[in-house]
All heavy atoms as atom14 arrays in JSON, in Angstrom:
{
  "sequence": "IKEKKVPTYRTHHGPITHMVDGQWTASAMMWEPVKALEQSYVRT",
  "atom14_mask": [
    [1, 1, 1, 1, 1, 1, 1, 1, 0, 0, 0, 0, 0, 0],
    [1, 1, 1, 1, 1, 1, 1, 1, 1, 0, 0, 0, 0, 0],
    [1, 1, 1, 1, 1, 1, 1, 1, 1, 0, 0, 0, 0, 0],
    [1, 1, 1, 1, 1, 1, 1, 1, 1, 0, 0, 0, 0, 0],
    [1, 1, 1, 1, 1, 1, 1, 1, 1, 0, 0, 0, 0, 0],
    [1, 1, 1, 1, 1, 1, 1, 0, 0, 0, 0, 0, 0, 0],
    [1, 1, 1, 1, 1, 1, 1, 0, 0, 0, 0, 0, 0, 0],
    [1, 1, 1, 1, 1, 1, 1, 0, 0, 0, 0, 0, 0, 0],
    [1, 1, 1, 1, 1, 1, 1, 1, 1, 1, 1, 1, 0, 0],
    [1, 1, 1, 1, 1, 1, 1, 1, 1, 1, 1, 0, 0, 0],
    [1, 1, 1, 1, 1, 1, 1, 0, 0, 0, 0, 0, 0, 0],
    [1, 1, 1, 1, 1, 1, 1, 1, 1, 1, 0, 0, 0, 0],
    [1, 1, 1, 1, 1, 1, 1, 1, 1, 1, 0, 0, 0, 0],
    [1, 1, 1, 1, 0, 0, 0, 0, 0, 0, 0, 0, 0, 0],
    [1, 1, 1, 1, 1, 1, 1, 0, 0, 0, 0, 0, 0, 0],
    [1, 1, 1, 1, 1, 1, 1, 1, 0, 0, 0, 0, 0, 0],
    [1, 1, 1, 1, 1, 1, 1, 0, 0, 0, 0, 0, 0, 0],
    [1, 1, 1, 1, 1, 1, 1, 1, 1, 1, 0, 0, 0, 0],
    [1, 1, 1, 1, 1, 1, 1, 1, 0, 0, 0, 0, 0, 0],
    [1, 1, 1, 1, 1, 1, 1, 0, 0, 0, 0, 0, 0, 0],
    [1, 1, 1, 1, 1, 1, 1, 1, 0, 0, 0, 0, 0, 0],
    [1, 1, 1, 1, 0, 0, 0, 0, 0, 0, 0, 0, 0, 0],
    [1, 1, 1, 1, 1, 1, 1, 1, 1, 0, 0, 0, 0, 0],
    [1, 1, 1, 1, 1, 1, 1, 1, 1, 1, 1, 1, 1, 1],
    [1, 1, 1, 1, 1, 1, 1, 0, 0, 0, 0, 0, 0, 0],
    [1, 1, 1, 1, 1, 0, 0, 0, 0, 0, 0, 0, 0, 0],
    [1, 1, 1, 1, 1, 1, 0, 0, 0, 0, 0, 0, 0, 0],
    [1, 1, 1, 1, 1, 0, 0, 0, 0, 0, 0, 0, 0, 0],
    [1, 1, 1, 1, 1, 1, 1, 1, 0, 0, 0, 0, 0, 0],
    [1, 1, 1, 1, 1, 1, 1, 1, 0, 0, 0, 0, 0, 0],
    [1, 1, 1, 1, 1, 1, 1, 1, 1, 1, 1, 1, 1, 1],
    [1, 1, 1, 1, 1, 1, 1, 1, 1, 0, 0, 0, 0, 0],
    [1, 1, 1, 1, 1, 1, 1, 0, 0, 0, 0, 0, 0, 0],
    [1, 1, 1, 1, 1, 1, 1, 0, 0, 0, 0, 0, 0, 0],
    [1, 1, 1, 1, 1, 1, 1, 1, 1, 0, 0, 0, 0, 0],
    [1, 1, 1, 1, 1, 0, 0, 0, 0, 0, 0, 0, 0, 0],
    [1, 1, 1, 1, 1, 1, 1, 1, 0, 0, 0, 0, 0, 0],
    [1, 1, 1, 1, 1, 1, 1, 1, 1, 0, 0, 0, 0, 0],
    [1, 1, 1, 1, 1, 1, 1, 1, 1, 0, 0, 0, 0, 0],
    [1, 1, 1, 1, 1, 1, 0, 0, 0, 0, 0, 0, 0, 0],
    [1, 1, 1, 1, 1, 1, 1, 1, 1, 1, 1, 1, 0, 0],
    [1, 1, 1, 1, 1, 1, 1, 0, 0, 0, 0, 0, 0, 0],
    [1, 1, 1, 1, 1, 1, 1, 1, 1, 1, 1, 0, 0, 0],
    [1, 1, 1, 1, 1, 1, 1, 0, 0, 0, 0, 0, 0, 0]
  ],
  "atom14_positions": [
    [[0.85, -1.19, 0.0], [0.0, 0.0, 0.0], [0.89, 1.24, 0.0], [1.79, 1.37, 0.83], [-0.92, 0.03, 1.23], [-1.89, -1.15, 1.21], [-1.68, 1.34, 1.31], [-2.94, -1.11, 0.12], [0.0, 0.0, 0.0], [0.0, 0.0, 0.0], [0.0, 0.0, 0.0], [0.0, 0.0, 0.0], [0.0, 0.0, 0.0], [0.0, 0.0, 0.0]],
    [[0.64, 2.11, -0.95], [1.37, 3.38, -1.02], [0.44, 4.53, -0.64], [-0.79, 4.37, -0.63], [1.95, 3.59, -2.41], [3.04, 2.59, -2.77], [3.75, 2.99, -4.04], [4.94, 2.07, -4.33], [5.68, 2.47, -5.55], [0.0, 0.0, 0.0], [0.0, 0.0, 0.0], [0.0, 0.0, 0.0], [0.0, 0.0, 0.0], [0.0, 0.0, 0.0]],
    [[1.02, 5.68, -0.36], [0.25, 6.85, 0.03], [0.55, 8.02, -0.9], [1.65, 8.14, -1.43], [0.58, 7.26, 1.47], [0.11, 6.28, 2.51], [0.33, 6.81, 3.92], [0.96, 7.89, 4.06], [-0.12, 6.16, 4.88], [0.0, 0.0, 0.0], [0.0, 0.0, 0.0], [0.0, 0.0, 0.0], [0.0, 0.0, 0.0], [0.0, 0.0, 0.0]],
    [[-0.46, 8.85, -1.07], [-0.31, 10.05, -1.87], [-1.0, 11.2, -1.15], [-2.19, 11.11, -0.83], [-0.93, 9.85, -3.26], [-0.78, 11.02, -4.2], [-1.29, 10.66, -5.6], [-1.02, 11.8, -6.57], [-1.38, 11.43, -7.96], [0.0, 0.0, 0.0], [0.0, 0.0, 0.0], [0.0, 0.0, 0.0], [0.0, 0.0, 0.0], [0.0, 0.0, 0.0]],
    [[-0.26, 12.27, -0.86], [-0.83, 13.45, -0.22], [-1.38, 14.38, -1.3], [-0.69, 14.69, -2.27], [0.21, 14.17, 0.61], [0.66, 13.39, 1.84], [1.67, 14.19, 2.66], [2.12, 13.4, 3.9], [3.1, 14.16, 4.7], [0.0, 0.0, 0.0], [0.0, 0.0, 0.0], [0.0, 0.0, 0.0], [0.0, 0.0, 0.0], [0.0, 0.0, 0.0]],
    [[-2.61, 14.81, -1.09], [-3.26, 15.67, -2.08], [-3.82, 16.9, -1.36], [-4.58, 16.76, -0.39], [-4.41, 14.92, -2.79], [-5.08, 15.83, -3.82], [-3.88, 13.65, -3.47], [0.0, 0.0, 0.0], [0.0, 0.0, 0.0], [0.0, 0.0, 0.0], [0.0, 0.0, 0.0], [0.0, 0.0, 0.0], [0.0, 0.0, 0.0], [0.0, 0.0, 0.0]],
    [[-3.48, 18.11, -1.82], [-4.07, 19.31, -1.24], [-5.53, 19.43, -1.68], [-5.9, 19.0, -2.78], [-3.23, 20.44, -1.82], [-2.73, 19.9, -3.11], [-2.54, 18.43, -2.91], [0.0, 0.0, 0.0], [0.0, 0.0, 0.0], [0.0, 0.0, 0.0], [0.0, 0.0, 0.0], [0.0, 0.0, 0.0], [0.0, 0.0, 0.0], [0.0, 0.0, 0.0]],
    [[-6.36, 19.99, -0.83], [-7.76, 20.21, -1.18], [-8.1, 21.68, -1.0], [-7.5, 22.37, -0.18], [-8.69, 19.36, -0.3], [-8.52, 19.74, 1.08], [-8.39, 17.87, -0.46], [0.0, 0.0, 0.0], [0.0, 0.0, 0.0], [0.0, 0.0, 0.0], [0.0, 0.0, 0.0], [0.0, 0.0, 0.0], [0.0, 0.0, 0.0], [0.0, 0.0, 0.0]],
    [[-9.06, 22.13, -1.76], [-9.43, 23.55, -1.76], [-10.96, 23.65, -1.71], [-11.67, 22.87, -2.36], [-8.91, 24.24, -3.01], [-7.44, 23.98, -3.28], [-7.06, 22.98, -4.18], [-6.44, 24.7, -2.63], [-5.72, 22.71, -4.43], [-5.1, 24.44, -2.87], [-4.74, 23.44, -3.77], [-3.42, 23.17, -4.0], [0.0, 0.0, 0.0], [0.0, 0.0, 0.0]],
    [[-11.43, 24.64, -0.98], [-12.88, 24.79, -0.82], [-13.24, 26.26, -0.7], [-12.52, 27.04, -0.05], [-13.34, 24.03, 0.43], [-14.79, 24.23, 0.81], [-15.14, 23.46, 2.08], [-15.18, 22.04, 1.84], [-16.27, 21.37, 1.43], [-17.39, 22.03, 1.2], [-16.23, 20.07, 1.26], [0.0, 0.0, 0.0], [0.0, 0.0, 0.0], [0.0, 0.0, 0.0]],
    [[-14.34, 26.63, -1.35], [-14.95, 27.94, -1.13], [-16.3, 27.7, -0.45], [-16.67, 26.55, -0.19], [-15.16, 28.69, -2.46], [-16.21, 28.04, -3.2], [-13.88, 28.7, -3.29], [0.0, 0.0, 0.0], [0.0, 0.0, 0.0], [0.0, 0.0, 0.0], [0.0, 0.0, 0.0], [0.0, 0.0, 0.0], [0.0, 0.0, 0.0], [0.0, 0.0, 0.0]],
    [[-17.05, 28.75, -0.2], [-18.35, 28.56, 0.44], [-19.32, 27.83, -0.47], [-20.36, 27.34, -0.02], [-18.94, 29.91, 0.89], [-19.45, 30.77, -0.21], [-18.62, 31.47, -1.04], [-20.72, 31.04, -0.62], [-19.34, 32.15, -1.92], [-20.61, 31.9, -1.69], [0.0, 0.0, 0.0], [0.0, 0.0, 0.0], [0.0, 0.0, 0.0], [0.0, 0.0, 0.0]],
    [[-18.98, 27.75, -1.77], [-19.85, 27.02, -2.7], [-19.66, 25.51, -2.59], [-20.57, 24.74, -2.91], [-19.56, 27.44, -4.15], [-19.9, 28.86, -4.44], [-18.96, 29.78, -4.88], [-21.07, 29.53, -4.35], [-19.55, 30.95, -5.06], [-20.83, 30.82, -4.73], [0.0, 0.0, 0.0], [0.0, 0.0, 0.0], [0.0, 0.0, 0.0], [0.0, 0.0, 0.0]],
    [[-18.47, 25.09, -2.17], [-18.17, 23.67, -2.1], [-16.72, 23.41, -2.45], [-15.93, 24.35, -2.65], [0.0, 0.0, 0.0], [0.0, 0.0, 0.0], [0.0, 0.0, 0.0], [0.0, 0.0, 0.0], [0.0, 0.0, 0.0], [0.0, 0.0, 0.0], [0.0, 0.0, 0.0], [0.0, 0.0, 0.0], [0.0, 0.0, 0.0], [0.0, 0.0, 0.0]],
    [[-16.32, 22.15, -2.55], [-14.93, 21.84, -2.88], [-14.61, 22.16, -4.34], [-15.48, 22.07, -5.22], [-14.84, 20.33, -2.62], [-16.23, 19.83, -2.8], [-17.13, 20.93, -2.32], [0.0, 0.0, 0.0], [0.0, 0.0, 0.0], [0.0, 0.0, 0.0], [0.0, 0.0, 0.0], [0.0, 0.0, 0.0], [0.0, 0.0, 0.0], [0.0, 0.0, 0.0]],
    [[-13.36, 22.53, -4.6], [-12.9, 22.7, -5.97], [-12.71, 21.31, -6.56], [-11.95, 20.49, -6.03], [-11.57, 23.48, -6.03], [-11.72, 24.86, -5.36], [-11.09, 23.63, -7.47], [-12.69, 25.8, -6.04], [0.0, 0.0, 0.0], [0.0, 0.0, 0.0], [0.0, 0.0, 0.0], [0.0, 0.0, 0.0], [0.0, 0.0, 0.0], [0.0, 0.0, 0.0]],
    [[-13.41, 21.05, -7.66], [-13.37, 19.7, -8.25], [-12.75, 19.65, -9.64], [-12.3, 18.59, -10.07], [-14.79, 19.11, -8.33], [-15.63, 20.02, -9.05], [-15.37, 18.87, -6.93], [0.0, 0.0, 0.0], [0.0, 0.0, 0.0], [0.0, 0.0, 0.0], [0.0, 0.0, 0.0], [0.0, 0.0, 0.0], [0.0, 0.0, 0.0], [0.0, 0.0, 0.0]],
    [[-12.72, 20.79, -10.36], [-12.19, 20.74, -11.72], [-12.01, 22.16, -12.25], [-12.24, 23.14, -11.54], [-13.12, 19.94, -12.63], [-14.52, 20.49, -12.75], [-15.4, 20.53, -11.69], [-15.19, 21.02, -13.81], [-16.55, 21.05, -12.1], [-16.44, 21.37, -13.37], [0.0, 0.0, 0.0], [0.0, 0.0, 0.0], [0.0, 0.0, 0.0], [0.0, 0.0, 0.0]],
    [[-11.58, 22.24, -13.5], [-11.38, 23.53, -14.17], [-12.43, 23.7, -15.27], [-12.78, 22.75, -15.97], [-10.0, 23.58, -14.81], [-8.85, 23.57, -13.84], [-8.33, 25.24, -13.37], [-7.32, 25.7, -14.77], [0.0, 0.0, 0.0], [0.0, 0.0, 0.0], [0.0, 0.0, 0.0], [0.0, 0.0, 0.0], [0.0, 0.0, 0.0], [0.0, 0.0, 0.0]],
    [[-12.9, 24.93, -15.44], [-13.77, 25.29, -16.55], [-13.31, 26.63, -17.09], [-13.19, 27.61, -16.34], [-15.25, 25.39, -16.13], [-16.11, 25.88, -17.3], [-15.77, 24.04, -15.63], [0.0, 0.0, 0.0], [0.0, 0.0, 0.0], [0.0, 0.0, 0.0], [0.0, 0.0, 0.0], [0.0, 0.0, 0.0], [0.0, 0.0, 0.0], [0.0, 0.0, 0.0]],
    [[-13.01, 26.67, -18.37], [-12.55, 27.91, -19.01], [-11.37, 28.53, -18.27], [-11.28, 29.75, -18.08], [-13.7, 28.94, -19.09], [-14.88, 28.43, -19.9], [-14.65, 27.64, -20.85], [-16.02, 28.8, -19.59], [0.0, 0.0, 0.0], [0.0, 0.0, 0.0], [0.0, 0.0, 0.0], [0.0, 0.0, 0.0], [0.0, 0.0, 0.0], [0.0, 0.0, 0.0]],
    [[-10.48, 27.68, -17.8], [-9.28, 28.15, -17.13], [-9.49, 28.59, -15.69], [-8.57, 29.09, -15.06], [0.0, 0.0, 0.0], [0.0, 0.0, 0.0], [0.0, 0.0, 0.0], [0.0, 0.0, 0.0], [0.0, 0.0, 0.0], [0.0, 0.0, 0.0], [0.0, 0.0, 0.0], [0.0, 0.0, 0.0], [0.0, 0.0, 0.0], [0.0, 0.0, 0.0]],
    [[-10.69, 28.39, -15.14], [-10.97, 28.81, -13.77], [-11.22, 27.61, -12.87], [-11.88, 26.63, -13.28], [-12.2, 29.73, -13.72], [-11.98, 31.11, -14.31], [-13.23, 31.96, -14.19], [-14.0, 32.1, -15.14], [-13.43, 32.54, -13.01], [0.0, 0.0, 0.0], [0.0, 0.0, 0.0], [0.0, 0.0, 0.0], [0.0, 0.0, 0.0], [0.0, 0.0, 0.0]],
    [[-10.72, 27.7, -11.65], [-11.06, 26.68, -10.65], [-12.58, 26.7, -10.46], [-13.2, 27.77, -10.37], [-10.39, 26.99, -9.32], [-8.9, 26.78, -9.31], [-8.07, 26.67, -10.38], [-8.1, 26.67, -8.14], [-6.78, 26.48, -9.96], [-6.76, 26.47, -8.58], [-8.35, 26.7, -6.78], [-5.7, 26.32, -7.7], [-7.29, 26.54, -5.9], [-5.97, 26.35, -6.35]],
    [[-13.15, 25.51, -10.35], [-14.61, 25.42, -10.28], [-15.03, 24.56, -9.1], [-14.54, 23.45, -8.91], [-15.17, 24.84, -11.6], [-14.78, 25.69, -12.68], [-16.69, 24.73, -11.56], [0.0, 0.0, 0.0], [0.0, 0.0, 0.0], [0.0, 0.0, 0.0], [0.0, 0.0, 0.0], [0.0, 0.0, 0.0], [0.0, 0.0, 0.0], [0.0, 0.0, 0.0]],
    [[-15.94, 25.11, -8.3], [-16.45, 24.41, -7.12], [-17.77, 23.74, -7.47], [-18.58, 24.27, -8.25], [-16.66, 25.4, -5.97], [0.0, 0.0, 0.0], [0.0, 0.0, 0.0], [0.0, 0.0, 0.0], [0.0, 0.0, 0.0], [0.0, 0.0, 0.0], [0.0, 0.0, 0.0], [0.0, 0.0, 0.0], [0.0, 0.0, 0.0], [0.0, 0.0, 0.0]],
    [[-17.98, 22.57, -6.88], [-19.23, 21.83, -7.08], [-20.09, 21.92, -5.83], [-19.63, 21.62, -4.73], [-18.94, 20.36, -7.4], [-18.3, 20.23, -8.66], [0.0, 0.0, 0.0], [0.0, 0.0, 0.0], [0.0, 0.0, 0.0], [0.0, 0.0, 0.0], [0.0, 0.0, 0.0], [0.0, 0.0, 0.0], [0.0, 0.0, 0.0], [0.0, 0.0, 0.0]],
    [[-21.34, 22.35, -6.02], [-22.27, 22.49, -4.9], [-23.36, 21.44, -5.0], [-23.95, 21.24, -6.07], [-22.9, 23.89, -4.92], [0.0, 0.0, 0.0], [0.0, 0.0, 0.0], [0.0, 0.0, 0.0], [0.0, 0.0, 0.0], [0.0, 0.0, 0.0], [0.0, 0.0, 0.0], [0.0, 0.0, 0.0], [0.0, 0.0, 0.0], [0.0, 0.0, 0.0]],
    [[-23.62, 20.76, -3.91], [-24.71, 19.79, -3.88], [-25.18, 19.62, -2.44], [-24.55, 20.12, -1.5], [-24.29, 18.45, -4.46], [-23.29, 17.66, -3.64], [-22.89, 16.1, -4.47], [-22.15, 15.2, -3.1], [0.0, 0.0, 0.0], [0.0, 0.0, 0.0], [0.0, 0.0, 0.0], [0.0, 0.0, 0.0], [0.0, 0.0, 0.0], [0.0, 0.0, 0.0]],
    [[-26.29, 18.9, -2.26], [-26.79, 18.64, -0.93], [-25.79, 17.77, -0.17], [-25.4, 16.71, -0.64], [-28.15, 17.92, -1.01], [-28.9, 17.81, 0.32], [-28.29, 16.57, 1.48], [-28.66, 15.06, 0.61], [0.0, 0.0, 0.0], [0.0, 0.0, 0.0], [0.0, 0.0, 0.0], [0.0, 0.0, 0.0], [0.0, 0.0, 0.0], [0.0, 0.0, 0.0]],
    [[-25.35, 18.24, 1.0], [-24.48, 17.43, 1.83], [-24.82, 17.68, 3.28], [-24.14, 18.4, 4.01], [-23.0, 17.71, 1.53], [-22.16, 16.57, 2.05], [-21.48, 16.52, 3.22], [-21.97, 15.3, 1.43], [-20.87, 15.3, 3.38], [-21.15, 14.53, 2.28], [-22.42, 14.73, 0.23], [-20.76, 13.22, 1.98], [-22.03, 13.44, -0.07], [-21.21, 12.71, 0.8]],
    [[-25.94, 17.09, 3.7], [-26.37, 17.16, 5.1], [-26.64, 15.73, 5.56], [-27.79, 15.3, 5.65], [-27.63, 18.02, 5.23], [-27.41, 19.47, 4.85], [-28.61, 20.33, 5.17], [-28.87, 20.53, 6.37], [-29.28, 20.78, 4.24], [0.0, 0.0, 0.0], [0.0, 0.0, 0.0], [0.0, 0.0, 0.0], [0.0, 0.0, 0.0], [0.0, 0.0, 0.0]],
    [[-25.58, 14.98, 5.83], [-25.74, 13.54, 6.06], [-26.64, 13.17, 7.22], [-27.36, 12.18, 7.16], [-24.31, 13.05, 6.26], [-23.49, 14.26, 6.56], [-24.16, 15.39, 5.86], [0.0, 0.0, 0.0], [0.0, 0.0, 0.0], [0.0, 0.0, 0.0], [0.0, 0.0, 0.0], [0.0, 0.0, 0.0], [0.0, 0.0, 0.0], [0.0, 0.0, 0.0]],
    [[-26.61, 13.96, 8.3], [-27.45, 13.61, 9.46], [-28.93, 13.73, 9.09], [-29.73, 12.81, 9.32], [-27.11, 14.51, 10.67], [-28.07, 14.21, 11.82], [-25.67, 14.3, 11.11], [0.0, 0.0, 0.0], [0.0, 0.0, 0.0], [0.0, 0.0, 0.0], [0.0, 0.0, 0.0], [0.0, 0.0, 0.0], [0.0, 0.0, 0.0], [0.0, 0.0, 0.0]],
    [[-29.3, 14.84, 8.48], [-30.7, 15.04, 8.1], [-31.13, 14.04, 7.03], [-32.26, 13.54, 7.04], [-30.91, 16.47, 7.6], [-30.85, 17.52, 8.69], [-30.96, 18.93, 8.13], [-32.3, 19.17, 7.46], [-32.41, 20.56, 6.97], [0.0, 0.0, 0.0], [0.0, 0.0, 0.0], [0.0, 0.0, 0.0], [0.0, 0.0, 0.0], [0.0, 0.0, 0.0]],
    [[-30.22, 13.72, 6.1], [-30.55, 12.77, 5.04], [-30.8, 11.38, 5.62], [-31.73, 10.68, 5.22], [-29.43, 12.73, 4.01], [0.0, 0.0, 0.0], [0.0, 0.0, 0.0], [0.0, 0.0, 0.0], [0.0, 0.0, 0.0], [0.0, 0.0, 0.0], [0.0, 0.0, 0.0], [0.0, 0.0, 0.0], [0.0, 0.0, 0.0], [0.0, 0.0, 0.0]],
    [[-29.95, 10.98, 6.57], [-30.11, 9.68, 7.2], [-31.4, 9.65, 8.03], [-32.13, 8.65, 8.03], [-28.89, 9.4, 8.08], [-28.61, 7.96, 8.48], [-28.48, 7.06, 7.27], [-27.34, 7.88, 9.32], [0.0, 0.0, 0.0], [0.0, 0.0, 0.0], [0.0, 0.0, 0.0], [0.0, 0.0, 0.0], [0.0, 0.0, 0.0], [0.0, 0.0, 0.0]],
    [[-31.65, 10.75, 8.71], [-32.88, 10.86, 9.5], [-34.11, 10.72, 8.6], [-35.03, 9.95, 8.9], [-32.9, 12.22, 10.21], [-34.12, 12.44, 11.09], [-34.05, 13.8, 11.8], [-33.04, 14.49, 11.68], [-35.05, 14.12, 12.48], [0.0, 0.0, 0.0], [0.0, 0.0, 0.0], [0.0, 0.0, 0.0], [0.0, 0.0, 0.0], [0.0, 0.0, 0.0]],
    [[-34.12, 11.42, 7.47], [-35.27, 11.35, 6.57], [-35.44, 9.95, 5.99], [-36.55, 9.44, 5.88], [-35.12, 12.37, 5.43], [-36.31, 12.38, 4.47], [-36.3, 13.56, 3.53], [-35.35, 14.33, 3.47], [-37.37, 13.72, 2.77], [0.0, 0.0, 0.0], [0.0, 0.0, 0.0], [0.0, 0.0, 0.0], [0.0, 0.0, 0.0], [0.0, 0.0, 0.0]],
    [[-34.33, 9.31, 5.63], [-34.4, 7.98, 5.04], [-35.03, 6.98, 5.99], [-35.75, 6.07, 5.56], [-32.99, 7.5, 4.66], [-32.45, 8.3, 3.62], [0.0, 0.0, 0.0], [0.0, 0.0, 0.0], [0.0, 0.0, 0.0], [0.0, 0.0, 0.0], [0.0, 0.0, 0.0], [0.0, 0.0, 0.0], [0.0, 0.0, 0.0], [0.0, 0.0, 0.0]],
    [[-34.78, 7.14, 7.28], [-35.32, 6.19, 8.26], [-36.74, 6.56, 8.67], [-37.63, 5.7, 8.71], [-34.42, 6.12, 9.5], [-34.82, 4.99, 10.42], [-34.4, 3.7, 10.16], [-35.63, 5.22, 11.53], [-34.78, 2.65, 10.97], [-36.01, 4.18, 12.35], [-35.58, 2.89, 12.07], [-35.96, 1.85, 12.86], [0.0, 0.0, 0.0], [0.0, 0.0, 0.0]],
    [[-36.96, 7.83, 8.95], [-38.28, 8.28, 9.41], [-39.35, 7.97, 8.36], [-40.5, 7.65, 8.7], [-38.24, 9.79, 9.72], [-39.64, 10.36, 9.92], [-37.41, 10.04, 10.97], [0.0, 0.0, 0.0], [0.0, 0.0, 0.0], [0.0, 0.0, 0.0], [0.0, 0.0, 0.0], [0.0, 0.0, 0.0], [0.0, 0.0, 0.0], [0.0, 0.0, 0.0]],
    [[-38.97, 8.01, 7.1], [-39.89, 7.73, 6.0], [-40.59, 6.38, 6.18], [-41.76, 6.21, 5.89], [-39.12, 7.74, 4.68], [-39.94, 7.43, 3.44], [-39.05, 7.19, 2.24], [-38.2, 8.33, 1.96], [-36.86, 8.28, 1.88], [-36.23, 7.13, 2.05], [-36.17, 9.35, 1.61], [0.0, 0.0, 0.0], [0.0, 0.0, 0.0], [0.0, 0.0, 0.0]],
    [[-39.83, 5.39, 6.66], [-40.33, 4.03, 6.7], [-41.38, 3.8, 7.77], [-42.05, 2.77, 7.77], [-39.17, 3.03, 6.91], [-38.62, 3.19, 8.22], [-38.07, 3.24, 5.88], [0.0, 0.0, 0.0], [0.0, 0.0, 0.0], [0.0, 0.0, 0.0], [0.0, 0.0, 0.0], [0.0, 0.0, 0.0], [0.0, 0.0, 0.0], [0.0, 0.0, 0.0]]
  ]
}
């Protein structure tokens, strides 16, 4: 097993995931794991 250190970058929009038109681009999506898990169970 080998290891690789990778720097990560984040703005308030989300983590930087790729480049678009030469600009760093952040991806925004729903990431509220506690509430999501709660909803998934309460539903049943």
